[in-house]
């Protein structure tokens, strides 16, 4: 009788172990498929973003005519980008840095070129004014206007 009891416990444990292994395999497979789905969804979102950026640039360049709904979205994007540019400029000032006139990256004040896009950085006005200039020499201080659309997504 004790043998039957222990045999039954052994069979029950064996069934339980097989079921647990089967369930673990299912969980692993489900996890793989969920990871694949998530990865593909992220790729689709990136492509949607690229489409949006192309449409935005096309509208700004006058290559694409838009509906009123899309024009409202473009206007909202422009408003948000203006706030971002203003905040980047303020951040650069607090950090005693400057903005690249092309891509709006925050750059060290003494940098000759932007590390992001390679644009030549303007010489700071204070640096030019502090240099002694003889009366025969003239130095023009160029005011650089920050471009409206840097061609890079705002970070």
C-alpha atoms as a PDB file:
ATOM      1  CA  UNK A   1       0.000   0.000   0.000  1.00  0.00           C
ATOM      2  CA  UNK A   2       2.830   2.386   0.804  1.00  0.00           C
ATOM      3  CA  UNK A   3       4.349   1.499  -2.563  1.00  0.00           C
ATOM      4  CA  UNK A   4       1.102   2.457  -4.309  1.00  0.00           C
ATOM      5  CA  UNK A   5       0.974   5.744  -2.413  1.00  0.00           C
ATOM      6  CA  UNK A   6       4.555   6.681  -3.338  1.00  0.00           C
ATOM      7  CA  UNK A   7       4.061   5.521  -6.926  1.00  0.00           C
ATOM      8  CA  UNK A   8       0.985   7.737  -7.212  1.00  0.00           C
ATOM      9  CA  UNK A   9       2.909  10.698  -5.751  1.00  0.00           C
ATOM     10  CA  UNK A  10       5.713  10.033  -8.255  1.00  0.00           C
ATOM     11  CA  UNK A  11       3.262   9.947 -11.191  1.00  0.00           C
ATOM     12  CA  UNK A  12       1.557  13.135  -9.948  1.00  0.00           C
ATOM     13  CA  UNK A  13       4.901  14.913  -9.638  1.00  0.00           C
ATOM     14  CA  UNK A  14       5.872  13.721 -13.095  1.00  0.00           C
ATOM     15  CA  UNK A  15       2.606  15.062 -14.608  1.00  0.00           C
ATOM     16  CA  UNK A  16       3.004  18.334 -12.708  1.00  0.00           C
ATOM     17  CA  UNK A  17       6.607  18.709 -13.921  1.00  0.00           C
ATOM     18  CA  UNK A  18       5.591  18.028 -17.525  1.00  0.00           C
ATOM     19  CA  UNK A  19       2.766  20.567 -17.271  1.00  0.00           C
ATOM     20  CA  UNK A  20       5.111  23.143 -15.723  1.00  0.00           C
ATOM     21  CA  UNK A  21       7.688  22.615 -18.479  1.00  0.00           C
ATOM     22  CA  UNK A  22       4.937  22.915 -21.083  1.00  0.00           C
ATOM     23  CA  UNK A  23       3.654  26.142 -19.525  1.00  0.00           C
ATOM     24  CA  UNK A  24       7.187  27.547 -19.314  1.00  0.00           C
ATOM     25  CA  UNK A  25       7.669  26.812 -23.013  1.00  0.00           C
ATOM     26  CA  UNK A  26       4.401  28.605 -23.792  1.00  0.00           C
ATOM     27  CA  UNK A  27       5.446  31.625 -21.728  1.00  0.00           C
ATOM     28  CA  UNK A  28       8.810  31.770 -23.510  1.00  0.00           C
ATOM     29  CA  UNK A  29       7.109  31.589 -26.918  1.00  0.00           C
ATOM     30  CA  UNK A  30       4.561  34.245 -25.940  1.00  0.00           C
ATOM     31  CA  UNK A  31       7.370  36.494 -24.698  1.00  0.00           C
ATOM     32  CA  UNK A  32       9.235  36.083 -28.007  1.00  0.00           C
ATOM     33  CA  UNK A  33       6.151  36.962 -30.032  1.00  0.00           C
ATOM     34  CA  UNK A  34       5.309  39.933 -27.801  1.00  0.00           C
ATOM     35  CA  UNK A  35       8.877  41.230 -28.155  1.00  0.00           C
ATOM     36  CA  UNK A  36       8.677  40.837 -31.932  1.00  0.00           C
ATOM     37  CA  UNK A  37       5.336  42.666 -32.046  1.00  0.00           C
ATOM     38  CA  UNK A  38       6.671  45.512 -29.886  1.00  0.00           C
ATOM     39  CA  UNK A  39       9.799  45.820 -32.026  1.00  0.00           C
ATOM     40  CA  UNK A  40       7.786  45.965 -35.254  1.00  0.00           C
ATOM     41  CA  UNK A  41       5.373  48.512 -33.752  1.00  0.00           C
ATOM     42  CA  UNK A  42       8.324  50.758 -32.858  1.00  0.00           C
ATOM     43  CA  UNK A  43       9.625  50.501 -36.432  1.00  0.00           C
ATOM     44  CA  UNK A  44       6.204  51.459 -37.792  1.00  0.00           C
ATOM     45  CA  UNK A  45       6.107  54.466 -35.440  1.00  0.00           C
ATOM     46  CA  UNK A  46       9.554  55.550 -36.679  1.00  0.00           C
ATOM     47  CA  UNK A  47       8.323  55.330 -40.277  1.00  0.00           C
ATOM     48  CA  UNK A  48       5.206  57.341 -39.419  1.00  0.00           C
ATOM     49  CA  UNK A  49       7.472  59.955 -37.877  1.00  0.00           C
ATOM     50  CA  UNK A  50       9.610  60.069 -41.039  1.00  0.00           C
ATOM     51  CA  UNK A  51       6.487  60.498 -43.167  1.00  0.00           C
ATOM     52  CA  UNK A  52       5.372  63.325 -40.911  1.00  0.00           C
ATOM     53  CA  UNK A  53       8.759  65.041 -41.131  1.00  0.00           C
ATOM     54  CA  UNK A  54       8.762  64.742 -44.936  1.00  0.00           C
ATOM     55  CA  UNK A  55       5.251  66.162 -45.166  1.00  0.00           C
ATOM     56  CA  UNK A  56       6.142  68.966 -42.747  1.00  0.00           C
ATOM     57  CA  UNK A  57       9.205  69.935 -44.780  1.00  0.00           C
ATOM     58  CA  UNK A  58       7.245  69.657 -48.021  1.00  0.00           C
ATOM     59  CA  UNK A  59       4.600  72.017 -46.693  1.00  0.00           C
ATOM     60  CA  UNK A  60       7.206  74.468 -45.369  1.00  0.00           C
ATOM     61  CA  UNK A  61       9.017  74.418 -48.744  1.00  0.00           C
ATOM     62  CA  UNK A  62       5.754  74.938 -50.616  1.00  0.00           C
ATOM     63  CA  UNK A  63       5.976  71.566 -52.376  1.00  0.00           C
ATOM     64  CA  UNK A  64       2.825  70.176 -50.763  1.00  0.00           C
ATOM     65  CA  UNK A  65      -0.545  71.855 -50.479  1.00  0.00           C
ATOM     66  CA  UNK A  66      -2.472  70.986 -47.356  1.00  0.00           C
ATOM     67  CA  UNK A  67      -5.965  70.893 -45.958  1.00  0.00           C
ATOM     68  CA  UNK A  68      -7.010  73.214 -43.163  1.00  0.00           C
ATOM     69  CA  UNK A  69      -6.668  70.377 -40.628  1.00  0.00           C
ATOM     70  CA  UNK A  70      -3.093  69.699 -41.669  1.00  0.00           C
ATOM     71  CA  UNK A  71      -2.315  73.427 -41.749  1.00  0.00           C
ATOM     72  CA  UNK A  72      -3.493  73.653 -38.125  1.00  0.00           C
ATOM     73  CA  UNK A  73      -1.162  70.815 -37.156  1.00  0.00           C
ATOM     74  CA  UNK A  74       1.757  72.451 -39.008  1.00  0.00           C
ATOM     75  CA  UNK A  75       1.030  75.700 -37.175  1.00  0.00           C
ATOM     76  CA  UNK A  76       0.973  73.875 -33.827  1.00  0.00           C
ATOM     77  CA  UNK A  77       4.317  72.233 -34.646  1.00  0.00           C
ATOM     78  CA  UNK A  78       5.788  75.643 -35.504  1.00  0.00           C
ATOM     79  CA  UNK A  79       4.563  77.037 -32.180  1.00  0.00           C
ATOM     80  CA  UNK A  80       6.079  74.176 -30.207  1.00  0.00           C
ATOM     81  CA  UNK A  81       9.361  74.439 -32.116  1.00  0.00           C
ATOM     82  CA  UNK A  82       9.527  78.183 -31.343  1.00  0.00           C
ATOM     83  CA  UNK A  83       9.151  77.406 -27.635  1.00  0.00           C
ATOM     84  CA  UNK A  84      11.863  74.729 -27.920  1.00  0.00           C
ATOM     85  CA  UNK A  85      14.235  77.177 -29.675  1.00  0.00           C
ATOM     86  CA  UNK A  86      13.609  79.792 -27.000  1.00  0.00           C
ATOM     87  CA  UNK A  87      14.211  77.294 -24.199  1.00  0.00           C
ATOM     88  CA  UNK A  88      17.392  76.025 -25.917  1.00  0.00           C
ATOM     89  CA  UNK A  89      18.647  79.609 -26.242  1.00  0.00           C
ATOM     90  CA  UNK A  90      17.942  80.261 -22.553  1.00  0.00           C
ATOM     91  CA  UNK A  91      19.605  76.998 -21.572  1.00  0.00           C
ATOM     92  CA  UNK A  92      22.671  77.865 -23.648  1.00  0.00           C
ATOM     93  CA  UNK A  93      22.877  81.270 -21.959  1.00  0.00           C
ATOM     94  CA  UNK A  94      22.655  79.709 -18.486  1.00  0.00           C
ATOM     95  CA  UNK A  95      25.392  77.239 -19.463  1.00  0.00           C
ATOM     96  CA  UNK A  96      27.446  80.099 -20.977  1.00  0.00           C
ATOM     97  CA  UNK A  97      27.288  78.375 -24.338  1.00  0.00           C
ATOM     98  CA  UNK A  98      25.818  79.245 -27.715  1.00  0.00           C
ATOM     99  CA  UNK A  99      23.448  77.748 -30.282  1.00  0.00           C
ATOM    100  CA  UNK A 100      24.489  76.500 -33.691  1.00  0.00           C
ATOM    101  CA  UNK A 101      22.784  78.756 -36.233  1.00  0.00           C
ATOM    102  CA  UNK A 102      22.040  75.770 -38.481  1.00  0.00           C
ATOM    103  CA  UNK A 103      20.891  72.847 -36.301  1.00  0.00           C
ATOM    104  CA  UNK A 104      20.286  74.647 -32.961  1.00  0.00           C
ATOM    105  CA  UNK A 105      22.591  72.302 -31.023  1.00  0.00           C
ATOM    106  CA  UNK A 106      23.986  73.796 -27.813  1.00  0.00           C
ATOM    107  CA  UNK A 107      27.700  74.303 -28.483  1.00  0.00           C
ATOM    108  CA  UNK A 108      30.643  75.440 -26.348  1.00  0.00           C
ATOM    109  CA  UNK A 109      31.074  79.210 -26.627  1.00  0.00           C
ATOM    110  CA  UNK A 110      34.624  78.868 -27.947  1.00  0.00           C
ATOM    111  CA  UNK A 111      33.873  76.124 -30.504  1.00  0.00           C
ATOM    112  CA  UNK A 112      34.868  76.871 -34.089  1.00  0.00           C
ATOM    113  CA  UNK A 113      32.443  74.318 -35.539  1.00  0.00           C
ATOM    114  CA  UNK A 114      29.254  72.629 -34.416  1.00  0.00           C
ATOM    115  CA  UNK A 115      29.988  69.024 -33.394  1.00  0.00           C
ATOM    116  CA  UNK A 116      26.546  67.913 -34.655  1.00  0.00           C
ATOM    117  CA  UNK A 117      26.348  69.388 -38.149  1.00  0.00           C
ATOM    118  CA  UNK A 118      29.805  70.866 -38.798  1.00  0.00           C
ATOM    119  CA  UNK A 119      28.552  74.419 -39.335  1.00  0.00           C
ATOM    120  CA  UNK A 120      31.177  77.120 -38.723  1.00  0.00           C
ATOM    121  CA  UNK A 121      30.302  78.925 -35.529  1.00  0.00           C
ATOM    122  CA  UNK A 122      30.253  82.722 -35.544  1.00  0.00           C
ATOM    123  CA  UNK A 123      32.886  84.521 -33.494  1.00  0.00           C
ATOM    124  CA  UNK A 124      31.235  85.855 -30.342  1.00  0.00           C
ATOM    125  CA  UNK A 125      30.723  89.636 -30.316  1.00  0.00           C
ATOM    126  CA  UNK A 126      32.449  90.014 -26.930  1.00  0.00           C
ATOM    127  CA  UNK A 127      35.556  88.275 -28.235  1.00  0.00           C
ATOM    128  CA  UNK A 128      35.727  90.571 -31.265  1.00  0.00           C
ATOM    129  CA  UNK A 129      35.103  93.678 -29.203  1.00  0.00           C
ATOM    130  CA  UNK A 130      37.751  92.710 -26.653  1.00  0.00           C
ATOM    131  CA  UNK A 131      40.440  92.345 -29.301  1.00  0.00           C
ATOM    132  CA  UNK A 132      42.400  95.538 -29.910  1.00  0.00           C
ATOM    133  CA  UNK A 133      41.790  96.829 -33.395  1.00  0.00           C
ATOM    134  CA  UNK A 134      44.004  99.521 -34.876  1.00  0.00           C
ATOM    135  CA  UNK A 135      42.322 102.529 -36.471  1.00  0.00           C
ATOM    136  CA  UNK A 136      43.329 101.308 -39.947  1.00  0.00           C
ATOM    137  CA  UNK A 137      41.573  97.996 -39.454  1.00  0.00           C
ATOM    138  CA  UNK A 138      37.855  97.482 -39.454  1.00  0.00           C
ATOM    139  CA  UNK A 139      36.111  94.428 -38.262  1.00  0.00           C
ATOM    140  CA  UNK A 140      32.580  93.643 -39.239  1.00  0.00           C
ATOM    141  CA  UNK A 141      30.619  91.816 -36.636  1.00  0.00           C
ATOM    142  CA  UNK A 142      28.135  89.611 -38.362  1.00  0.00           C
ATOM    143  CA  UNK A 143      24.796  89.026 -36.721  1.00  0.00           C
ATOM    144  CA  UNK A 144      23.842  85.425 -37.343  1.00  0.00           C
ATOM    145  CA  UNK A 145      20.177  84.607 -37.578  1.00  0.00           C
ATOM    146  CA  UNK A 146      19.081  81.258 -36.277  1.00  0.00           C
ATOM    147  CA  UNK A 147      17.404  79.335 -39.085  1.00  0.00           C
ATOM    148  CA  UNK A 148      13.711  78.580 -38.785  1.00  0.00           C
ATOM    149  CA  UNK A 149      14.029  74.903 -39.796  1.00  0.00           C
ATOM    150  CA  UNK A 150      17.355  73.264 -38.954  1.00  0.00           C
ATOM    151  CA  UNK A 151      16.689  70.140 -40.990  1.00  0.00           C
ATOM    152  CA  UNK A 152      17.128  68.056 -37.837  1.00  0.00           C
ATOM    153  CA  UNK A 153      14.329  66.983 -35.505  1.00  0.00           C
ATOM    154  CA  UNK A 154      14.409  69.019 -32.308  1.00  0.00           C
ATOM    155  CA  UNK A 155      15.829  67.026 -29.442  1.00  0.00           C
END
